[in-house]
Protein backbone atom coordinates (compact mmCIF):
# COMPACT_ATOMS: atom_id res chain seq x y z
CA MET A 1 86.19 -9.44 -5.40
CA LYS A 2 88.48 -12.15 -4.62
CA LEU A 3 88.38 -14.84 -2.14
CA TYR A 4 91.33 -16.86 -0.76
CA THR A 5 89.65 -20.21 0.12
CA TYR A 6 90.19 -23.79 0.72
CA TYR A 7 88.61 -26.83 -0.49
CA ARG A 8 87.45 -28.30 2.71
CA SER A 9 87.44 -25.07 5.12
CA GLN A 10 84.34 -24.56 7.07
CA ALA A 11 84.68 -20.72 7.65
CA SER A 12 85.63 -20.59 3.77
CA PHE A 13 82.35 -22.30 2.98
CA ARG A 14 80.33 -19.69 4.83
CA VAL A 15 81.48 -17.01 2.70
CA ARG A 16 81.18 -19.17 -0.39
CA ILE A 17 77.44 -19.62 0.53
CA ALA A 18 76.83 -16.01 1.55
CA LEU A 19 78.19 -14.82 -1.63
CA ASN A 20 76.15 -17.09 -3.75
CA LEU A 21 72.86 -16.49 -1.94
CA LYS A 22 73.45 -12.69 -2.74
CA GLY A 23 74.35 -13.12 -6.36
CA LEU A 24 78.12 -11.60 -6.00
CA ALA A 25 80.58 -12.54 -8.46
CA HIS A 26 84.26 -13.35 -7.24
CA ASP A 27 87.37 -15.03 -8.19
CA ASP A 28 88.39 -17.71 -6.03
CA THR A 29 92.02 -18.30 -5.25
CA PHE A 30 92.31 -21.78 -3.69
CA LEU A 31 95.02 -22.45 -1.12
CA HIS A 32 96.03 -26.30 -0.19
CA LEU A 33 96.49 -25.90 3.58
CA GLU A 34 97.84 -29.46 3.64
CA ARG A 35 100.84 -28.28 0.99
CA GLY A 36 101.46 -25.15 3.18
CA ASP A 37 100.30 -22.60 0.90
CA GLN A 38 99.07 -20.37 3.57
CA PHE A 39 102.63 -19.99 4.87
CA ALA A 40 103.82 -18.54 1.84
CA PRO A 41 105.11 -14.82 2.76
CA GLU A 42 102.74 -13.18 0.02
CA TYR A 43 99.51 -14.81 1.70
CA LYS A 44 100.89 -13.90 5.22
CA ARG A 45 101.35 -10.28 4.31
CA LEU A 46 97.42 -10.45 3.26
CA ASN A 47 96.59 -12.66 6.20
CA PRO A 48 98.91 -12.49 9.38
CA GLN A 49 97.14 -15.42 10.76
CA MET A 50 97.75 -17.58 7.93
CA VAL A 51 94.12 -19.03 7.82
CA VAL A 52 91.54 -18.88 5.38
CA PRO A 53 89.11 -17.19 4.33
CA THR A 54 90.29 -13.67 3.19
CA LEU A 55 88.26 -11.33 1.13
CA ILE A 56 89.45 -8.76 -0.92
CA ASP A 57 86.75 -6.27 -2.25
CA GLY A 58 88.00 -3.03 -3.31
CA ASP A 59 90.26 -1.73 -0.97
CA ALA A 60 88.78 -3.68 1.93
CA LYS A 61 90.89 -6.70 2.93
CA LEU A 62 88.65 -8.55 5.37
CA PHE A 63 89.53 -11.73 7.41
CA GLN A 64 87.36 -14.13 9.93
CA SER A 65 84.27 -15.56 8.28
CA LEU A 66 81.52 -13.85 10.70
CA ALA A 67 83.22 -10.56 10.24
CA ILE A 68 82.96 -11.29 6.54
CA LEU A 69 79.24 -12.34 6.56
CA GLU A 70 78.41 -9.13 8.52
CA TYR A 71 80.36 -6.79 5.88
CA LEU A 72 78.42 -8.55 3.04
CA ASP A 73 74.88 -8.21 4.58
CA GLU A 74 75.61 -4.53 5.55
CA THR A 75 77.33 -3.50 2.16
CA TYR A 76 75.33 -5.59 -0.15
CA PRO A 77 71.91 -5.59 1.89
CA GLU A 78 69.87 -7.99 -0.75
CA PRO A 79 68.77 -10.28 0.35
CA PRO A 80 69.33 -9.75 3.92
CA LEU A 81 71.14 -12.29 6.11
CA LEU A 82 69.62 -11.20 9.42
CA PRO A 83 66.14 -10.40 10.59
CA ARG A 84 64.94 -6.82 11.16
CA ASP A 85 63.87 -7.30 14.71
CA SER A 86 66.67 -6.86 17.29
CA ALA A 87 65.76 -9.76 19.21
CA ALA A 88 65.46 -12.24 16.42
CA ARG A 89 69.03 -10.74 14.97
CA ALA A 90 70.58 -11.80 18.23
CA TRP A 91 69.26 -14.91 18.37
CA VAL A 92 70.21 -15.80 14.76
CA ARG A 93 73.77 -14.37 16.02
CA GLY A 94 73.90 -16.72 18.89
CA LEU A 95 72.85 -19.79 17.01
CA ALA A 96 75.62 -19.01 14.65
CA LEU A 97 78.15 -18.51 17.23
CA ILE A 98 77.73 -22.14 18.57
CA ASN A 99 79.40 -23.22 15.72
CA ILE A 100 81.89 -20.25 14.71
CA ALA A 101 83.05 -19.29 18.32
CA ASP A 102 82.47 -22.61 20.22
CA SER A 103 82.10 -26.12 18.49
CA HIS A 104 84.16 -25.59 15.55
CA PRO A 105 87.40 -23.99 16.93
CA LEU A 106 87.88 -27.05 19.24
CA ILE A 107 88.16 -29.62 16.42
CA VAL A 108 90.13 -27.69 13.78
CA PRO A 109 93.34 -29.52 12.36
CA ARG A 110 95.65 -27.36 14.77
CA ILE A 111 93.70 -28.46 18.02
CA ARG A 112 93.91 -32.09 16.42
CA HIS A 113 97.53 -31.71 15.90
CA TYR A 114 98.06 -30.52 19.36
CA LEU A 115 96.21 -33.28 20.81
CA LEU A 116 98.07 -36.15 18.82
CA ASP A 117 101.60 -34.50 18.70
CA GLU A 118 102.13 -32.77 21.87
CA LEU A 119 99.64 -34.30 24.48
CA GLN A 120 100.10 -37.89 22.49
CA LEU A 121 96.48 -38.84 23.39
CA GLY A 122 96.51 -41.13 20.28
CA GLN A 123 93.99 -41.64 17.36
CA ASP A 124 91.11 -42.94 19.44
CA LYS A 125 91.11 -40.29 22.04
CA MET A 126 91.26 -37.50 19.74
CA LEU A 127 88.13 -38.94 17.80
CA GLY A 128 86.46 -39.19 21.04
CA TRP A 129 87.18 -35.52 21.74
CA ILE A 130 85.76 -34.63 18.32
CA ARG A 131 82.69 -36.82 18.95
CA TYR A 132 81.89 -35.35 22.16
CA TRP A 133 82.39 -31.51 20.96
CA LEU A 134 80.44 -32.19 17.83
CA GLY A 135 77.66 -34.15 19.64
CA ALA A 136 77.22 -31.31 22.15
CA GLY A 137 77.00 -28.64 19.57
CA LEU A 138 74.44 -30.56 17.62
CA ALA A 139 72.27 -31.35 20.61
CA ALA A 140 72.34 -27.70 22.00
CA MET A 141 71.26 -26.50 17.98
CA GLU A 142 68.34 -29.39 18.02
CA THR A 143 67.09 -27.79 21.24
CA LEU A 144 67.09 -24.23 20.43
CA LEU A 145 65.53 -24.93 16.94
CA ALA A 146 62.95 -27.12 18.34
CA GLU A 147 62.07 -24.40 20.97
CA HIS A 148 62.25 -21.24 18.57
CA LYS A 149 58.72 -20.16 17.57
CA GLU A 150 60.27 -18.48 14.53
CA SER A 151 61.70 -21.81 12.76
CA GLY A 152 60.41 -22.48 9.68
CA ALA A 153 62.08 -23.95 6.69
CA PHE A 154 65.50 -22.26 8.08
CA CYS A 155 66.64 -21.76 11.34
CA HIS A 156 64.58 -18.50 11.37
CA GLY A 157 61.77 -17.94 9.49
CA GLU A 158 61.55 -18.95 5.50
CA ARG A 159 65.00 -17.60 4.11
CA PRO A 160 68.43 -18.29 4.95
CA THR A 161 70.02 -16.26 7.63
CA ILE A 162 73.81 -16.18 8.99
CA ALA A 163 72.51 -18.89 11.56
CA ASP A 164 72.03 -21.43 8.49
CA ILE A 165 75.28 -20.05 6.70
CA ALA A 166 77.30 -20.70 9.70
CA LEU A 167 75.89 -24.09 10.86
CA TRP A 168 75.39 -25.73 7.58
CA PRO A 169 79.12 -26.49 6.71
CA TRP A 170 79.20 -28.17 10.44
CA VAL A 171 76.20 -30.06 10.32
CA ARG A 172 76.81 -31.36 6.95
CA GLY A 173 79.96 -33.26 7.86
CA TYR A 174 78.88 -34.90 11.06
CA GLY A 175 78.94 -38.47 9.54
CA TRP A 176 82.76 -38.69 9.57
CA SER A 177 83.31 -38.54 13.07
CA GLY A 178 80.84 -41.42 13.80
CA VAL A 179 78.03 -38.64 15.18
CA THR A 180 74.49 -39.03 13.44
CA LEU A 181 71.42 -36.90 13.53
CA ASP A 182 69.38 -39.70 15.10
CA GLY A 183 66.94 -38.29 17.49
CA LEU A 184 67.51 -34.84 16.38
CA ASP A 185 64.30 -34.38 14.25
CA HIS A 186 64.18 -30.58 13.79
CA LEU A 187 68.12 -30.64 12.74
CA LYS A 188 67.57 -33.70 10.49
CA ARG A 189 64.75 -31.76 8.72
CA TRP A 190 66.76 -28.46 8.55
CA HIS A 191 69.40 -30.30 6.93
CA ASP A 192 67.63 -31.79 4.25
CA VAL A 193 65.88 -28.48 3.37
CA VAL A 194 69.46 -26.57 3.26
CA ALA A 195 71.04 -29.13 1.34
CA GLU A 196 68.88 -28.40 -1.65
CA ARG A 197 69.25 -24.77 -1.83
CA PRO A 198 71.45 -23.86 -5.36
CA ALA A 199 73.39 -21.19 -3.62
CA VAL A 200 74.45 -23.95 -0.98
CA LYS A 201 75.24 -26.35 -3.46
CA ARG A 202 77.35 -23.72 -5.58
CA GLY A 203 78.86 -22.70 -2.22
CA MET A 204 80.11 -26.46 -1.59
CA ALA A 205 81.14 -26.95 -5.03
CA VAL A 206 84.93 -26.57 -4.92
CA PRO A 207 87.88 -28.67 -6.47
CA PRO A 208 88.93 -31.67 -4.66
CA ALA A 209 92.32 -32.15 -3.09
CA VAL A 210 95.33 -31.73 -5.22
CA ASP A 211 98.26 -34.26 -5.04
CA LEU A 212 101.17 -33.11 -3.31
CA GLY A 213 103.50 -34.48 -5.65
CA ASP A 214 107.01 -33.89 -5.10
CA ARG A 215 106.43 -30.51 -2.95
CA THR A 216 108.49 -30.89 0.17
CA ARG A 217 106.37 -31.54 3.30
CA GLN A 218 108.68 -29.67 5.70
CA THR A 219 106.74 -26.52 5.62
CA VAL A 220 103.83 -28.50 6.20
CA GLU A 221 105.33 -30.22 9.35
CA ALA A 222 106.70 -26.87 10.58
CA GLY A 223 103.26 -25.23 10.33
CA ARG A 224 100.57 -27.91 10.89
CA LYS A 225 99.73 -26.75 14.28
CA PHE A 226 98.49 -23.49 12.97
CA LEU A 227 96.25 -24.93 10.20
CA VAL A 228 92.65 -23.95 10.44
C-alpha cells in the first residue's frame, strides 16, 4: 500500500489517521505542493486533479479522502469506522461532510490564491473570509455534538469514527487564523481527547516543510491556483 501525501494536507491527514487506526502498513511518498511536485507528469497520470491524497492498494488507485476512508472501512473492516445503525451512520457521515464538503473547501490554497490574485481582496479580507467560514463550521459542530445523545469520548460513542477523522485536522488548526474554541465546550473536550490518541499522533507526525532551495518557482506560480 502506497500513499501520496503532503506534510500539511488536511485530506492526507484523514487518510493517514485511518491507516494508523486500522494498523495498516503503508509507504508514504511526500509531495511538496508549494514546490509544485504535484504537477509532475508522472503524478498527473496517477491523479488527474493533481491533488493529494492518492492511495495505491494493489490494483486499486484511489483518490478523494472520504472515498478512501470508505474503501478502507469496507476492505479492512476492523476496527470499524462507522457505527452499525443506519441512522447513526448517516449522522457520522453528515458530521464528517461539514468539513470535507463544506468548510474546508472554502479555504484551501487555490481559493485563497483566487481571492488574493484574481479578486484582489487583500490579506486582511482574505483572513476575514477564513475566520468566517472556520468559525461557522466550528459553531455547527459544537451544536451537533451538544445535542447528539450518542456523543461520548468521540463524536459518536466511545471509539473513533469517520467523523472524528474528518474533523480532527480541521479543528486542530483553528488557532492559526485567530479563531478560538472559547465557548465551544463540547468541541474543546473532544479536541483534547482525540489529541491523545496514538494513531492520531502518528497520523499527524510527518516531515516538516522542505526548503525550495534552487528549484525554480515558475511551476508553482503557474499552478498555484490548483493547490489543495
